Amino acid sequence: MTKVVKASSTYLKFINLVNSLKDLPTFPQMDALETRLIHVLASAWQQETKVSILDAINMIPDISYSTVHGRIKDLKDKGMIGVEIDAHDKRIKYIIPTKKTNYYFEKMGECLIKAQR
């Protein structure tokens, strides 16, 4: 029982720390779908997978194509992702992380470490 309480306590601390970050003007503001999308992309980037815009849209099959595509554009406008054109096929665009993306995940990691203390 103590382990379950400890785990839930750690998670709740993490949520509180993340929520306090969201109030900072320097922290990227994203809605729930944008956050979900950036986390899905990060998982692919962690595996060193190149993610095209079409791949990213298909990674969230329960949301419409146009909605996900719109959020990709919003993330690009917010500086949370960049776009790189394929060297061999100019029609293919890959989504890449930016400094702002790295900052976001660095801060999230710091919250996780603090919550575990």
N, C-alpha and C. Protein backbone atom coordinates (compact mmCIF):
# COMPACT_ATOMS: atom_id res chain seq x y z
N MET A 1 0.82 -1.20 0.00
CA MET A 1 0.00 0.00 0.00
C MET A 1 0.86 1.26 0.00
N THR A 2 1.98 1.23 0.70
CA THR A 2 2.86 2.40 0.77
C THR A 2 3.41 2.75 -0.60
N LYS A 3 3.76 1.73 -1.42
CA LYS A 3 4.29 2.00 -2.76
C LYS A 3 3.25 2.68 -3.64
N VAL A 4 1.99 2.26 -3.54
CA VAL A 4 0.93 2.87 -4.34
C VAL A 4 0.74 4.32 -3.92
N VAL A 5 0.72 4.58 -2.62
CA VAL A 5 0.57 5.94 -2.13
C VAL A 5 1.75 6.78 -2.58
N LYS A 6 2.97 6.24 -2.49
CA LYS A 6 4.18 6.96 -2.89
C LYS A 6 4.13 7.29 -4.38
N ALA A 7 3.73 6.31 -5.20
CA ALA A 7 3.66 6.53 -6.65
C ALA A 7 2.62 7.59 -6.99
N SER A 8 1.46 7.51 -6.38
CA SER A 8 0.43 8.51 -6.69
C SER A 8 0.84 9.88 -6.17
N SER A 9 1.51 9.92 -5.04
CA SER A 9 1.99 11.18 -4.49
C SER A 9 3.03 11.82 -5.42
N THR A 10 3.92 10.99 -5.93
CA THR A 10 4.94 11.48 -6.87
C THR A 10 4.28 12.03 -8.12
N TYR A 11 3.30 11.31 -8.64
CA TYR A 11 2.62 11.76 -9.85
C TYR A 11 1.88 13.07 -9.60
N LEU A 12 1.22 13.18 -8.48
CA LEU A 12 0.49 14.41 -8.17
C LEU A 12 1.45 15.59 -8.00
N LYS A 13 2.61 15.35 -7.40
CA LYS A 13 3.63 16.40 -7.30
C LYS A 13 4.06 16.84 -8.70
N PHE A 14 4.27 15.87 -9.57
CA PHE A 14 4.66 16.16 -10.95
C PHE A 14 3.61 17.03 -11.63
N ILE A 15 2.34 16.65 -11.51
CA ILE A 15 1.25 17.42 -12.13
C ILE A 15 1.23 18.85 -11.59
N ASN A 16 1.40 19.00 -10.29
CA ASN A 16 1.41 20.35 -9.68
C ASN A 16 2.59 21.18 -10.19
N LEU A 17 3.75 20.55 -10.31
CA LEU A 17 4.92 21.28 -10.82
C LEU A 17 4.71 21.70 -12.27
N VAL A 18 4.16 20.82 -13.08
CA VAL A 18 3.89 21.14 -14.49
C VAL A 18 2.87 22.27 -14.58
N ASN A 19 1.84 22.20 -13.76
CA ASN A 19 0.82 23.27 -13.77
C ASN A 19 1.41 24.61 -13.37
N SER A 20 2.37 24.61 -12.46
CA SER A 20 3.01 25.88 -12.08
C SER A 20 3.88 26.41 -13.22
N LEU A 21 4.46 25.51 -14.00
CA LEU A 21 5.25 25.94 -15.16
C LEU A 21 4.38 26.63 -16.21
N LYS A 22 3.16 26.12 -16.38
CA LYS A 22 2.26 26.65 -17.40
C LYS A 22 1.92 28.11 -17.16
N ASP A 23 2.08 28.58 -15.92
CA ASP A 23 1.79 29.98 -15.60
C ASP A 23 2.93 30.92 -15.98
N LEU A 24 4.10 30.35 -16.25
CA LEU A 24 5.26 31.19 -16.61
C LEU A 24 5.13 31.68 -18.05
N PRO A 25 5.44 32.95 -18.29
CA PRO A 25 5.32 33.48 -19.66
C PRO A 25 6.32 32.86 -20.64
N THR A 26 7.41 32.31 -20.15
CA THR A 26 8.42 31.71 -21.04
C THR A 26 8.10 30.26 -21.40
N PHE A 27 7.13 29.67 -20.71
CA PHE A 27 6.81 28.26 -20.96
C PHE A 27 5.83 28.17 -22.13
N PRO A 28 6.10 27.27 -23.09
CA PRO A 28 5.23 27.15 -24.26
C PRO A 28 3.79 26.82 -23.89
N GLN A 29 2.86 27.57 -24.43
CA GLN A 29 1.44 27.34 -24.18
C GLN A 29 0.87 26.46 -25.28
N MET A 30 0.36 25.29 -24.90
CA MET A 30 -0.22 24.36 -25.87
C MET A 30 -1.54 23.83 -25.32
N ASP A 31 -2.46 23.55 -26.22
CA ASP A 31 -3.70 22.91 -25.78
C ASP A 31 -3.45 21.41 -25.65
N ALA A 32 -4.48 20.67 -25.24
CA ALA A 32 -4.32 19.24 -24.96
C ALA A 32 -3.89 18.45 -26.20
N LEU A 33 -4.45 18.76 -27.35
CA LEU A 33 -4.09 18.04 -28.56
C LEU A 33 -2.66 18.36 -29.01
N GLU A 34 -2.27 19.61 -28.89
CA GLU A 34 -0.90 19.99 -29.23
C GLU A 34 0.09 19.29 -28.31
N THR A 35 -0.24 19.21 -27.04
CA THR A 35 0.62 18.51 -26.07
C THR A 35 0.71 17.04 -26.42
N ARG A 36 -0.43 16.43 -26.71
CA ARG A 36 -0.43 15.01 -27.11
C ARG A 36 0.42 14.79 -28.35
N LEU A 37 0.28 15.66 -29.32
CA LEU A 37 1.03 15.54 -30.57
C LEU A 37 2.53 15.70 -30.34
N ILE A 38 2.93 16.68 -29.55
CA ILE A 38 4.36 16.89 -29.31
C ILE A 38 4.95 15.72 -28.54
N HIS A 39 4.17 15.09 -27.67
CA HIS A 39 4.65 13.91 -26.94
C HIS A 39 4.78 12.70 -27.86
N VAL A 40 3.84 12.53 -28.77
CA VAL A 40 3.92 11.43 -29.76
C VAL A 40 5.14 11.64 -30.66
N LEU A 41 5.34 12.86 -31.08
CA LEU A 41 6.51 13.17 -31.92
C LEU A 41 7.81 12.91 -31.17
N ALA A 42 7.85 13.32 -29.92
CA ALA A 42 9.06 13.13 -29.11
C ALA A 42 9.41 11.65 -28.97
N SER A 43 8.40 10.83 -28.84
CA SER A 43 8.63 9.39 -28.74
C SER A 43 9.31 8.87 -30.01
N ALA A 44 8.86 9.34 -31.15
CA ALA A 44 9.48 8.94 -32.44
C ALA A 44 10.88 9.52 -32.56
N TRP A 45 11.06 10.77 -32.16
CA TRP A 45 12.39 11.39 -32.24
C TRP A 45 13.38 10.68 -31.33
N GLN A 46 12.91 10.22 -30.17
CA GLN A 46 13.77 9.51 -29.24
C GLN A 46 14.32 8.24 -29.88
N GLN A 47 13.53 7.65 -30.78
CA GLN A 47 13.96 6.44 -31.49
C GLN A 47 14.68 6.78 -32.79
N GLU A 48 14.98 8.08 -32.96
CA GLU A 48 15.66 8.60 -34.14
C GLU A 48 14.92 8.29 -35.44
N THR A 49 13.59 8.38 -35.37
CA THR A 49 12.73 8.17 -36.52
C THR A 49 12.38 9.52 -37.14
N LYS A 50 12.53 9.61 -38.45
CA LYS A 50 12.10 10.81 -39.15
C LYS A 50 10.58 10.74 -39.29
N VAL A 51 9.91 11.82 -38.95
CA VAL A 51 8.46 11.85 -38.99
C VAL A 51 8.00 12.88 -40.02
N SER A 52 7.34 12.38 -41.06
CA SER A 52 6.78 13.30 -42.05
C SER A 52 5.48 13.87 -41.49
N ILE A 53 5.00 14.91 -42.13
CA ILE A 53 3.74 15.50 -41.70
C ILE A 53 2.62 14.47 -41.81
N LEU A 54 2.60 13.70 -42.89
CA LEU A 54 1.57 12.67 -43.05
C LEU A 54 1.70 11.60 -41.96
N ASP A 55 2.93 11.20 -41.64
CA ASP A 55 3.13 10.22 -40.55
C ASP A 55 2.57 10.76 -39.24
N ALA A 56 2.84 12.02 -38.96
CA ALA A 56 2.38 12.63 -37.71
C ALA A 56 0.85 12.65 -37.65
N ILE A 57 0.23 12.96 -38.75
CA ILE A 57 -1.23 12.98 -38.79
C ILE A 57 -1.78 11.59 -38.50
N ASN A 58 -1.13 10.57 -39.04
CA ASN A 58 -1.59 9.20 -38.85
C ASN A 58 -1.26 8.64 -37.46
N MET A 59 -0.41 9.32 -36.70
CA MET A 59 -0.07 8.87 -35.35
C MET A 59 -1.20 9.10 -34.36
N ILE A 60 -2.15 9.93 -34.73
CA ILE A 60 -3.30 10.21 -33.86
C ILE A 60 -4.57 9.91 -34.68
N PRO A 61 -4.86 8.62 -34.84
CA PRO A 61 -5.95 8.22 -35.74
C PRO A 61 -7.36 8.58 -35.25
N ASP A 62 -7.54 8.86 -33.96
CA ASP A 62 -8.87 9.16 -33.45
C ASP A 62 -9.27 10.63 -33.63
N ILE A 63 -8.37 11.43 -34.19
CA ILE A 63 -8.65 12.85 -34.46
C ILE A 63 -8.60 13.05 -35.98
N SER A 64 -9.46 13.90 -36.49
CA SER A 64 -9.54 14.08 -37.95
C SER A 64 -8.23 14.63 -38.53
N TYR A 65 -8.03 14.29 -39.79
CA TYR A 65 -6.84 14.72 -40.54
C TYR A 65 -6.69 16.23 -40.46
N SER A 66 -7.77 16.94 -40.73
CA SER A 66 -7.68 18.41 -40.78
C SER A 66 -7.37 19.01 -39.41
N THR A 67 -7.91 18.42 -38.36
CA THR A 67 -7.64 18.94 -37.01
C THR A 67 -6.18 18.76 -36.64
N VAL A 68 -5.64 17.56 -36.88
CA VAL A 68 -4.23 17.31 -36.56
C VAL A 68 -3.33 18.18 -37.44
N HIS A 69 -3.66 18.29 -38.72
CA HIS A 69 -2.85 19.13 -39.61
C HIS A 69 -2.86 20.57 -39.13
N GLY A 70 -4.00 21.05 -38.67
CA GLY A 70 -4.09 22.41 -38.13
C GLY A 70 -3.22 22.59 -36.90
N ARG A 71 -3.20 21.58 -36.03
CA ARG A 71 -2.38 21.67 -34.82
C ARG A 71 -0.89 21.62 -35.17
N ILE A 72 -0.54 20.89 -36.20
CA ILE A 72 0.86 20.88 -36.65
C ILE A 72 1.25 22.29 -37.08
N LYS A 73 0.38 22.94 -37.83
CA LYS A 73 0.64 24.31 -38.26
C LYS A 73 0.75 25.25 -37.05
N ASP A 74 -0.13 25.05 -36.06
CA ASP A 74 -0.10 25.87 -34.85
C ASP A 74 1.21 25.67 -34.09
N LEU A 75 1.66 24.42 -33.96
CA LEU A 75 2.92 24.14 -33.27
C LEU A 75 4.09 24.78 -34.01
N LYS A 76 4.04 24.77 -35.33
CA LYS A 76 5.10 25.41 -36.12
C LYS A 76 5.08 26.93 -35.87
N ASP A 77 3.89 27.52 -35.88
CA ASP A 77 3.75 28.96 -35.63
C ASP A 77 4.25 29.35 -34.23
N LYS A 78 4.08 28.45 -33.26
CA LYS A 78 4.52 28.70 -31.89
C LYS A 78 6.01 28.42 -31.70
N GLY A 79 6.67 27.90 -32.73
CA GLY A 79 8.09 27.59 -32.64
C GLY A 79 8.39 26.27 -31.95
N MET A 80 7.36 25.45 -31.75
CA MET A 80 7.56 24.18 -31.06
C MET A 80 8.05 23.08 -31.99
N ILE A 81 7.88 23.26 -33.28
CA ILE A 81 8.42 22.31 -34.25
C ILE A 81 8.94 23.09 -35.45
N GLY A 82 9.83 22.44 -36.17
CA GLY A 82 10.32 22.99 -37.43
C GLY A 82 9.97 22.00 -38.53
N VAL A 83 10.18 22.43 -39.76
CA VAL A 83 9.91 21.57 -40.91
C VAL A 83 11.15 21.53 -41.78
N GLU A 84 11.50 20.32 -42.18
CA GLU A 84 12.67 20.09 -43.03
C GLU A 84 12.20 19.36 -44.29
N ILE A 85 12.57 19.86 -45.45
CA ILE A 85 12.16 19.25 -46.71
C ILE A 85 13.11 18.11 -47.06
N ASP A 86 12.54 17.01 -47.53
CA ASP A 86 13.32 15.84 -47.92
C ASP A 86 14.28 16.20 -49.06
N ALA A 87 15.48 15.69 -48.99
CA ALA A 87 16.51 16.00 -49.98
C ALA A 87 16.19 15.43 -51.36
N HIS A 88 15.45 14.33 -51.39
CA HIS A 88 15.19 13.66 -52.67
C HIS A 88 13.79 13.89 -53.23
N ASP A 89 12.86 14.21 -52.35
CA ASP A 89 11.48 14.43 -52.78
C ASP A 89 10.94 15.67 -52.08
N LYS A 90 10.87 16.75 -52.82
CA LYS A 90 10.48 18.05 -52.25
C LYS A 90 9.05 18.07 -51.73
N ARG A 91 8.25 17.05 -52.05
CA ARG A 91 6.87 17.00 -51.56
C ARG A 91 6.80 16.52 -50.11
N ILE A 92 7.86 15.85 -49.65
CA ILE A 92 7.88 15.30 -48.29
C ILE A 92 8.52 16.29 -47.34
N LYS A 93 7.81 16.58 -46.25
CA LYS A 93 8.32 17.48 -45.22
C LYS A 93 8.37 16.72 -43.91
N TYR A 94 9.51 16.82 -43.24
CA TYR A 94 9.69 16.16 -41.96
C TYR A 94 9.54 17.16 -40.82
N ILE A 95 8.95 16.71 -39.74
CA ILE A 95 8.80 17.54 -38.56
C ILE A 95 10.02 17.32 -37.68
N ILE A 96 10.65 18.41 -37.27
CA ILE A 96 11.86 18.32 -36.45
C ILE A 96 11.69 19.15 -35.17
N PRO A 97 12.38 18.75 -34.11
CA PRO A 97 12.31 19.54 -32.87
C PRO A 97 13.09 20.84 -33.02
N THR A 98 12.74 21.81 -32.19
CA THR A 98 13.42 23.10 -32.17
C THR A 98 14.04 23.31 -30.79
N LYS A 99 14.72 24.43 -30.62
CA LYS A 99 15.25 24.77 -29.30
C LYS A 99 14.12 24.89 -28.28
N LYS A 100 13.01 25.42 -28.72
CA LYS A 100 11.86 25.57 -27.84
C LYS A 100 11.30 24.20 -27.43
N THR A 101 11.33 23.24 -28.34
CA THR A 101 10.90 21.87 -28.02
C THR A 101 11.82 21.28 -26.97
N ASN A 102 13.11 21.44 -27.17
CA ASN A 102 14.09 20.91 -26.22
C ASN A 102 13.94 21.57 -24.85
N TYR A 103 13.67 22.88 -24.83
CA TYR A 103 13.43 23.60 -23.58
C TYR A 103 12.22 23.02 -22.86
N TYR A 104 11.16 22.78 -23.61
CA TYR A 104 9.93 22.23 -23.04
C TYR A 104 10.20 20.89 -22.35
N PHE A 105 10.89 19.98 -23.05
CA PHE A 105 11.14 18.66 -22.47
C PHE A 105 12.18 18.71 -21.35
N GLU A 106 13.09 19.67 -21.42
CA GLU A 106 14.04 19.85 -20.32
C GLU A 106 13.29 20.25 -19.04
N LYS A 107 12.36 21.18 -19.17
CA LYS A 107 11.58 21.63 -18.02
C LYS A 107 10.68 20.52 -17.50
N MET A 108 10.09 19.75 -18.39
CA MET A 108 9.26 18.62 -17.97
C MET A 108 10.10 17.58 -17.22
N GLY A 109 11.31 17.34 -17.70
CA GLY A 109 12.22 16.42 -17.02
C GLY A 109 12.60 16.90 -15.64
N GLU A 110 12.85 18.21 -15.52
CA GLU A 110 13.17 18.78 -14.21
C GLU A 110 12.00 18.60 -13.24
N CYS A 111 10.78 18.75 -13.73
CA CYS A 111 9.61 18.54 -12.88
C CYS A 111 9.54 17.09 -12.41
N LEU A 112 9.86 16.18 -13.27
CA LEU A 112 9.84 14.76 -12.92
C LEU A 112 10.88 14.44 -11.84
N ILE A 113 12.06 14.99 -12.00
CA ILE A 113 13.11 14.77 -11.02
C ILE A 113 12.73 15.37 -9.67
N LYS A 114 12.19 16.60 -9.67
CA LYS A 114 11.76 17.25 -8.43
C LYS A 114 10.65 16.47 -7.74
N ALA A 115 9.73 15.92 -8.53
CA ALA A 115 8.61 15.19 -7.96
C ALA A 115 9.06 13.90 -7.28
N GLN A 116 10.15 13.33 -7.73
CA GLN A 116 10.64 12.08 -7.17
C GLN A 116 11.38 12.28 -5.87
N ARG A 117 11.75 13.51 -5.53
CA ARG A 117 12.48 13.79 -4.30
C ARG A 117 11.59 13.72 -3.10
